[in-house]
N, C-alpha and C. Protein backbone atom coordinates (compact mmCIF):
# COMPACT_ATOMS: atom_id res chain seq x y z
N MET A 1 -33.18 0.06 129.85
CA MET A 1 -31.87 -0.50 129.62
C MET A 1 -31.94 -2.02 129.81
N THR A 2 -31.28 -2.77 128.95
CA THR A 2 -31.27 -4.22 129.03
C THR A 2 -29.98 -4.72 129.66
N ASN A 3 -30.01 -5.95 130.08
CA ASN A 3 -28.85 -6.59 130.69
C ASN A 3 -28.05 -7.42 129.70
N TYR A 4 -28.18 -7.12 128.44
CA TYR A 4 -27.42 -7.87 127.43
C TYR A 4 -27.21 -7.01 126.19
N THR A 5 -26.27 -7.44 125.38
CA THR A 5 -26.02 -6.83 124.07
C THR A 5 -25.85 -7.97 123.09
N SER A 6 -26.41 -7.84 121.91
CA SER A 6 -26.24 -8.88 120.89
C SER A 6 -25.87 -8.24 119.57
N THR A 7 -25.32 -9.05 118.70
CA THR A 7 -24.96 -8.59 117.36
C THR A 7 -25.11 -9.77 116.41
N GLU A 8 -25.17 -9.49 115.15
CA GLU A 8 -25.22 -10.52 114.12
C GLU A 8 -23.93 -10.45 113.31
N LEU A 9 -23.18 -11.51 113.29
CA LEU A 9 -21.95 -11.57 112.52
C LEU A 9 -22.20 -11.96 111.07
N GLY A 10 -23.36 -12.56 110.82
CA GLY A 10 -23.61 -13.12 109.50
C GLY A 10 -22.94 -14.49 109.41
N LYS A 11 -22.78 -14.98 108.22
CA LYS A 11 -22.15 -16.27 108.02
C LYS A 11 -20.64 -16.13 108.24
N ILE A 12 -20.09 -17.04 109.00
CA ILE A 12 -18.66 -16.99 109.32
C ILE A 12 -17.83 -16.98 108.03
N HIS A 13 -18.27 -17.72 107.03
CA HIS A 13 -17.56 -17.76 105.75
C HIS A 13 -17.44 -16.37 105.14
N ASP A 14 -18.45 -15.52 105.30
CA ASP A 14 -18.44 -14.20 104.67
C ASP A 14 -17.50 -13.21 105.34
N ILE A 15 -17.02 -13.52 106.52
CA ILE A 15 -16.06 -12.64 107.20
C ILE A 15 -14.78 -12.50 106.39
N ILE A 16 -14.51 -13.48 105.54
CA ILE A 16 -13.33 -13.45 104.69
C ILE A 16 -13.30 -12.19 103.81
N ASN A 17 -14.47 -11.61 103.53
CA ASN A 17 -14.56 -10.43 102.66
C ASN A 17 -14.34 -9.12 103.40
N LEU A 18 -14.22 -9.16 104.71
CA LEU A 18 -14.00 -7.94 105.50
C LEU A 18 -12.51 -7.62 105.58
N GLU A 19 -12.19 -6.41 106.01
CA GLU A 19 -10.78 -6.01 106.16
C GLU A 19 -10.05 -6.97 107.08
N ASN A 20 -8.96 -7.53 106.60
CA ASN A 20 -8.15 -8.50 107.33
C ASN A 20 -8.89 -9.78 107.69
N GLY A 21 -10.08 -9.99 107.14
CA GLY A 21 -10.82 -11.22 107.38
C GLY A 21 -11.23 -11.43 108.82
N LYS A 22 -11.51 -10.32 109.53
CA LYS A 22 -11.86 -10.49 110.95
C LYS A 22 -12.89 -9.48 111.41
N VAL A 23 -13.58 -9.87 112.46
CA VAL A 23 -14.54 -9.01 113.14
C VAL A 23 -14.12 -8.97 114.61
N PHE A 24 -13.94 -7.75 115.15
CA PHE A 24 -13.66 -7.58 116.57
C PHE A 24 -14.97 -7.32 117.29
N LEU A 25 -15.16 -7.92 118.45
CA LEU A 25 -16.41 -7.80 119.18
C LEU A 25 -16.35 -6.79 120.33
N HIS A 26 -15.16 -6.29 120.65
CA HIS A 26 -15.02 -5.36 121.78
C HIS A 26 -15.97 -4.18 121.66
N ASP A 27 -15.91 -3.46 120.56
CA ASP A 27 -16.77 -2.28 120.39
C ASP A 27 -18.21 -2.66 120.10
N THR A 28 -18.40 -3.68 119.26
CA THR A 28 -19.75 -4.08 118.86
C THR A 28 -20.61 -4.49 120.05
N LEU A 29 -20.02 -5.24 120.99
CA LEU A 29 -20.77 -5.73 122.14
C LEU A 29 -20.49 -4.94 123.42
N GLY A 30 -19.56 -3.99 123.34
CA GLY A 30 -19.21 -3.23 124.54
C GLY A 30 -18.54 -4.11 125.58
N LEU A 31 -17.63 -4.98 125.15
CA LEU A 31 -16.96 -5.91 126.07
C LEU A 31 -16.09 -5.15 127.06
N SER A 32 -16.07 -5.60 128.30
CA SER A 32 -15.25 -4.95 129.33
C SER A 32 -14.26 -5.90 129.99
N SER A 33 -14.28 -7.18 129.61
CA SER A 33 -13.39 -8.14 130.25
C SER A 33 -12.42 -8.82 129.30
N CYS A 34 -12.65 -8.67 128.00
CA CYS A 34 -11.79 -9.33 127.02
C CYS A 34 -12.04 -8.74 125.64
N GLU A 35 -11.20 -9.13 124.69
CA GLU A 35 -11.42 -8.83 123.27
C GLU A 35 -11.56 -10.16 122.56
N ILE A 36 -12.49 -10.24 121.66
CA ILE A 36 -12.71 -11.46 120.88
C ILE A 36 -12.74 -11.07 119.42
N SER A 37 -11.99 -11.81 118.60
CA SER A 37 -12.10 -11.62 117.16
C SER A 37 -12.50 -12.94 116.52
N VAL A 38 -13.36 -12.86 115.50
CA VAL A 38 -13.77 -14.01 114.71
C VAL A 38 -13.11 -13.81 113.36
N ASN A 39 -12.37 -14.82 112.90
CA ASN A 39 -11.49 -14.69 111.75
C ASN A 39 -11.77 -15.76 110.70
N THR A 40 -11.80 -15.35 109.44
CA THR A 40 -11.86 -16.28 108.31
C THR A 40 -10.86 -15.76 107.28
N VAL A 41 -9.83 -16.56 107.00
CA VAL A 41 -8.77 -16.11 106.10
C VAL A 41 -8.59 -17.10 104.95
N PRO A 42 -8.13 -16.60 103.81
CA PRO A 42 -8.01 -17.46 102.62
C PRO A 42 -6.74 -18.32 102.67
N LYS A 43 -6.68 -19.26 101.72
CA LYS A 43 -5.46 -20.07 101.58
C LYS A 43 -4.27 -19.13 101.38
N GLY A 44 -3.15 -19.52 101.92
CA GLY A 44 -1.94 -18.72 101.76
C GLY A 44 -1.82 -17.55 102.73
N PHE A 45 -2.85 -17.28 103.53
CA PHE A 45 -2.80 -16.17 104.49
C PHE A 45 -1.73 -16.42 105.55
N LYS A 46 -0.97 -15.39 105.86
CA LYS A 46 -0.03 -15.44 106.98
C LYS A 46 0.08 -14.04 107.55
N VAL A 47 -0.04 -13.93 108.87
CA VAL A 47 0.18 -12.63 109.51
C VAL A 47 1.62 -12.25 109.19
N PRO A 48 1.86 -11.08 108.58
CA PRO A 48 3.19 -10.74 108.07
C PRO A 48 4.18 -10.27 109.15
N PHE A 49 3.85 -10.46 110.41
CA PHE A 49 4.74 -10.04 111.49
C PHE A 49 4.47 -10.91 112.71
N SER A 50 5.46 -11.00 113.58
CA SER A 50 5.26 -11.62 114.89
C SER A 50 4.92 -10.51 115.86
N HIS A 51 4.20 -10.85 116.92
CA HIS A 51 3.87 -9.84 117.91
C HIS A 51 3.76 -10.46 119.29
N LYS A 52 3.85 -9.62 120.31
CA LYS A 52 3.67 -9.99 121.71
C LYS A 52 2.59 -9.07 122.27
N HIS A 53 2.21 -9.32 123.50
CA HIS A 53 1.27 -8.44 124.18
C HIS A 53 1.87 -7.95 125.49
N LYS A 54 1.35 -6.85 125.98
CA LYS A 54 1.84 -6.28 127.23
C LYS A 54 1.24 -6.99 128.43
N GLN A 55 -0.08 -7.30 128.38
CA GLN A 55 -0.71 -7.94 129.53
C GLN A 55 -1.72 -9.02 129.17
N ASN A 56 -2.10 -9.13 127.91
CA ASN A 56 -3.16 -10.08 127.55
C ASN A 56 -2.61 -11.39 127.02
N GLU A 57 -3.13 -12.50 127.58
CA GLU A 57 -2.89 -13.79 126.95
C GLU A 57 -3.88 -13.92 125.80
N GLU A 58 -3.55 -14.77 124.83
CA GLU A 58 -4.46 -15.02 123.71
C GLU A 58 -4.81 -16.50 123.70
N ILE A 59 -6.06 -16.77 123.38
CA ILE A 59 -6.53 -18.13 123.21
C ILE A 59 -7.06 -18.23 121.78
N TYR A 60 -6.50 -19.15 121.01
CA TYR A 60 -6.95 -19.41 119.65
C TYR A 60 -7.77 -20.69 119.66
N ILE A 61 -8.97 -20.63 119.08
CA ILE A 61 -9.84 -21.80 118.95
C ILE A 61 -10.08 -21.98 117.45
N ILE A 62 -9.62 -23.11 116.91
CA ILE A 62 -9.70 -23.35 115.47
C ILE A 62 -11.05 -23.99 115.15
N LEU A 63 -11.80 -23.33 114.25
CA LEU A 63 -13.13 -23.78 113.87
C LEU A 63 -13.13 -24.60 112.58
N LYS A 64 -12.24 -24.25 111.64
CA LYS A 64 -12.22 -24.92 110.34
C LYS A 64 -10.84 -24.75 109.72
N GLY A 65 -10.39 -25.79 109.04
CA GLY A 65 -9.12 -25.71 108.33
C GLY A 65 -7.95 -26.17 109.17
N GLU A 66 -6.77 -25.85 108.67
CA GLU A 66 -5.54 -26.24 109.34
C GLU A 66 -4.51 -25.14 109.14
N GLY A 67 -3.67 -24.97 110.14
CA GLY A 67 -2.67 -23.93 110.04
C GLY A 67 -1.52 -24.16 110.99
N VAL A 68 -0.68 -23.15 111.10
CA VAL A 68 0.47 -23.19 112.00
C VAL A 68 0.48 -21.91 112.81
N ILE A 69 0.57 -22.06 114.12
CA ILE A 69 0.83 -20.93 115.00
C ILE A 69 2.28 -21.09 115.44
N THR A 70 3.10 -20.09 115.13
CA THR A 70 4.50 -20.15 115.54
C THR A 70 4.66 -19.32 116.80
N ILE A 71 5.12 -19.97 117.86
CA ILE A 71 5.25 -19.34 119.18
C ILE A 71 6.72 -19.41 119.58
N ASP A 72 7.33 -18.24 119.76
CA ASP A 72 8.76 -18.16 120.10
C ASP A 72 9.60 -19.02 119.17
N GLY A 73 9.25 -18.99 117.88
CA GLY A 73 10.00 -19.73 116.87
C GLY A 73 9.63 -21.19 116.73
N ASN A 74 8.72 -21.69 117.57
CA ASN A 74 8.31 -23.10 117.52
C ASN A 74 6.97 -23.23 116.80
N PRO A 75 6.94 -23.91 115.64
CA PRO A 75 5.68 -24.08 114.92
C PRO A 75 4.78 -25.13 115.59
N ILE A 76 3.52 -24.76 115.80
CA ILE A 76 2.52 -25.65 116.38
C ILE A 76 1.45 -25.86 115.31
N ILE A 77 1.25 -27.10 114.89
CA ILE A 77 0.21 -27.39 113.90
C ILE A 77 -1.14 -27.40 114.60
N VAL A 78 -2.09 -26.66 114.04
CA VAL A 78 -3.44 -26.59 114.60
C VAL A 78 -4.45 -26.94 113.52
N LYS A 79 -5.58 -27.49 113.95
CA LYS A 79 -6.65 -27.89 113.03
C LYS A 79 -7.98 -27.73 113.74
N GLU A 80 -9.05 -27.96 113.01
CA GLU A 80 -10.39 -27.86 113.60
C GLU A 80 -10.43 -28.60 114.93
N GLY A 81 -10.85 -27.89 115.96
CA GLY A 81 -10.93 -28.48 117.30
C GLY A 81 -9.73 -28.17 118.18
N SER A 82 -8.66 -27.61 117.62
CA SER A 82 -7.49 -27.25 118.44
C SER A 82 -7.77 -25.97 119.22
N ALA A 83 -7.18 -25.88 120.41
CA ALA A 83 -7.22 -24.66 121.22
C ALA A 83 -5.82 -24.45 121.78
N VAL A 84 -5.33 -23.22 121.67
CA VAL A 84 -3.97 -22.89 122.12
C VAL A 84 -4.01 -21.60 122.93
N LYS A 85 -3.40 -21.63 124.12
CA LYS A 85 -3.24 -20.42 124.94
C LYS A 85 -1.80 -19.95 124.81
N ILE A 86 -1.63 -18.64 124.60
CA ILE A 86 -0.30 -18.07 124.46
C ILE A 86 -0.14 -16.94 125.48
N LEU A 87 0.90 -17.02 126.29
CA LEU A 87 1.15 -15.99 127.29
C LEU A 87 1.60 -14.69 126.62
N PRO A 88 1.39 -13.56 127.30
CA PRO A 88 1.67 -12.26 126.68
C PRO A 88 3.10 -12.11 126.14
N SER A 89 4.09 -12.59 126.87
CA SER A 89 5.48 -12.35 126.49
C SER A 89 5.97 -13.20 125.33
N ALA A 90 5.18 -14.17 124.90
CA ALA A 90 5.58 -15.03 123.79
C ALA A 90 5.34 -14.34 122.45
N SER A 91 6.31 -14.46 121.57
CA SER A 91 6.17 -13.94 120.20
C SER A 91 5.34 -14.94 119.41
N ARG A 92 4.36 -14.42 118.62
CA ARG A 92 3.49 -15.33 117.89
C ARG A 92 3.10 -14.78 116.53
N THR A 93 2.80 -15.71 115.62
CA THR A 93 2.20 -15.41 114.33
C THR A 93 1.38 -16.63 113.92
N ILE A 94 0.46 -16.45 112.98
CA ILE A 94 -0.42 -17.55 112.57
C ILE A 94 -0.54 -17.55 111.05
N GLU A 95 -0.68 -18.74 110.48
CA GLU A 95 -0.84 -18.85 109.02
C GLU A 95 -1.75 -20.01 108.65
N ASN A 96 -2.39 -19.88 107.50
CA ASN A 96 -3.21 -20.92 106.91
C ASN A 96 -2.31 -21.76 106.01
N THR A 97 -2.26 -23.06 106.26
CA THR A 97 -1.38 -23.93 105.48
C THR A 97 -2.13 -24.85 104.53
N THR A 98 -3.44 -24.62 104.36
CA THR A 98 -4.22 -25.49 103.49
C THR A 98 -4.70 -24.75 102.25
N GLU A 99 -5.36 -25.46 101.41
CA GLU A 99 -5.93 -24.89 100.19
C GLU A 99 -7.34 -24.34 100.42
N ASP A 100 -7.83 -24.44 101.63
CA ASP A 100 -9.18 -24.01 101.97
C ASP A 100 -9.09 -22.81 102.90
N GLU A 101 -10.22 -22.19 103.20
CA GLU A 101 -10.22 -21.09 104.16
C GLU A 101 -9.95 -21.64 105.57
N PHE A 102 -9.51 -20.76 106.43
CA PHE A 102 -9.11 -21.09 107.80
C PHE A 102 -9.93 -20.21 108.72
N GLN A 103 -10.67 -20.81 109.63
CA GLN A 103 -11.55 -20.05 110.53
C GLN A 103 -11.12 -20.28 111.98
N PHE A 104 -11.02 -19.19 112.74
CA PHE A 104 -10.66 -19.31 114.14
C PHE A 104 -11.19 -18.13 114.94
N ILE A 105 -11.31 -18.36 116.22
CA ILE A 105 -11.68 -17.31 117.16
C ILE A 105 -10.44 -17.03 118.00
N CYS A 106 -10.16 -15.76 118.23
CA CYS A 106 -9.06 -15.37 119.10
C CYS A 106 -9.63 -14.54 120.25
N ILE A 107 -9.32 -14.96 121.47
CA ILE A 107 -9.78 -14.27 122.68
C ILE A 107 -8.56 -13.70 123.38
N GLN A 108 -8.61 -12.42 123.71
CA GLN A 108 -7.56 -11.77 124.50
C GLN A 108 -8.15 -11.41 125.85
N ALA A 109 -7.45 -11.77 126.91
CA ALA A 109 -7.88 -11.42 128.26
C ALA A 109 -6.64 -11.21 129.12
N LYS A 110 -6.75 -10.32 130.09
CA LYS A 110 -5.62 -10.02 130.97
C LYS A 110 -5.23 -11.28 131.75
N THR A 111 -3.96 -11.63 131.68
CA THR A 111 -3.44 -12.79 132.38
C THR A 111 -3.72 -12.67 133.88
N ASN A 112 -4.13 -13.78 134.47
CA ASN A 112 -4.39 -13.90 135.91
C ASN A 112 -5.53 -13.00 136.41
N SER A 113 -6.43 -12.58 135.54
CA SER A 113 -7.53 -11.71 135.97
C SER A 113 -8.82 -12.48 136.27
N LEU A 114 -8.89 -13.74 135.87
CA LEU A 114 -10.11 -14.52 136.07
C LEU A 114 -10.21 -14.94 137.53
N GLU A 115 -11.25 -14.48 138.20
CA GLU A 115 -11.43 -14.79 139.61
C GLU A 115 -12.48 -15.86 139.84
N GLN A 116 -13.50 -15.89 139.02
CA GLN A 116 -14.55 -16.89 139.13
C GLN A 116 -14.90 -17.38 137.75
N PHE A 117 -15.36 -18.62 137.65
CA PHE A 117 -15.73 -19.18 136.36
C PHE A 117 -16.68 -20.34 136.56
N GLY A 118 -17.36 -20.73 135.49
CA GLY A 118 -18.28 -21.85 135.55
C GLY A 118 -19.32 -21.68 136.66
N LEU A 119 -19.62 -22.77 137.35
CA LEU A 119 -20.62 -22.73 138.40
C LEU A 119 -20.16 -21.92 139.61
N GLY A 120 -18.87 -21.70 139.74
CA GLY A 120 -18.36 -20.87 140.83
C GLY A 120 -18.79 -19.42 140.71
N ASP A 121 -19.18 -19.03 139.50
CA ASP A 121 -19.65 -17.67 139.25
C ASP A 121 -21.16 -17.64 139.02
N ALA A 122 -21.81 -18.75 139.26
CA ALA A 122 -23.25 -18.86 138.98
C ALA A 122 -24.07 -18.70 140.27
N GLU A 123 -25.28 -18.25 140.07
CA GLU A 123 -26.23 -18.11 141.17
C GLU A 123 -27.60 -18.52 140.66
N LEU A 124 -28.23 -19.45 141.30
CA LEU A 124 -29.55 -19.90 140.85
C LEU A 124 -30.58 -18.80 141.06
N CYS A 125 -31.46 -18.63 140.09
CA CYS A 125 -32.50 -17.59 140.16
C CYS A 125 -33.87 -18.23 140.24
């Protein structure tokens, strides 16, 4: 048994051809602390509904393109290099507002569950 799991996503651009333009890593990597999706969506894409979460905050990291994340009715313009954290109770939706594809990573993790991070969780070997 190994102490790691790896997967190959292929080219991020090609994710656009998958169902809903996304890959979830929870099952692929056997994640136990969060859910991560890698997303590539075409021009004009918009999630057709708003949604909230019961316990997970979401972090969106924009890799390419430009879009709008609407949180509780407030539009937030995001572009390559933007990162946005959304608390579970906030209503949210996301859309691509450019003529190009829009790439982002979305991480879901239980709010207030992080106990250690960075060097605080490290041990020299």
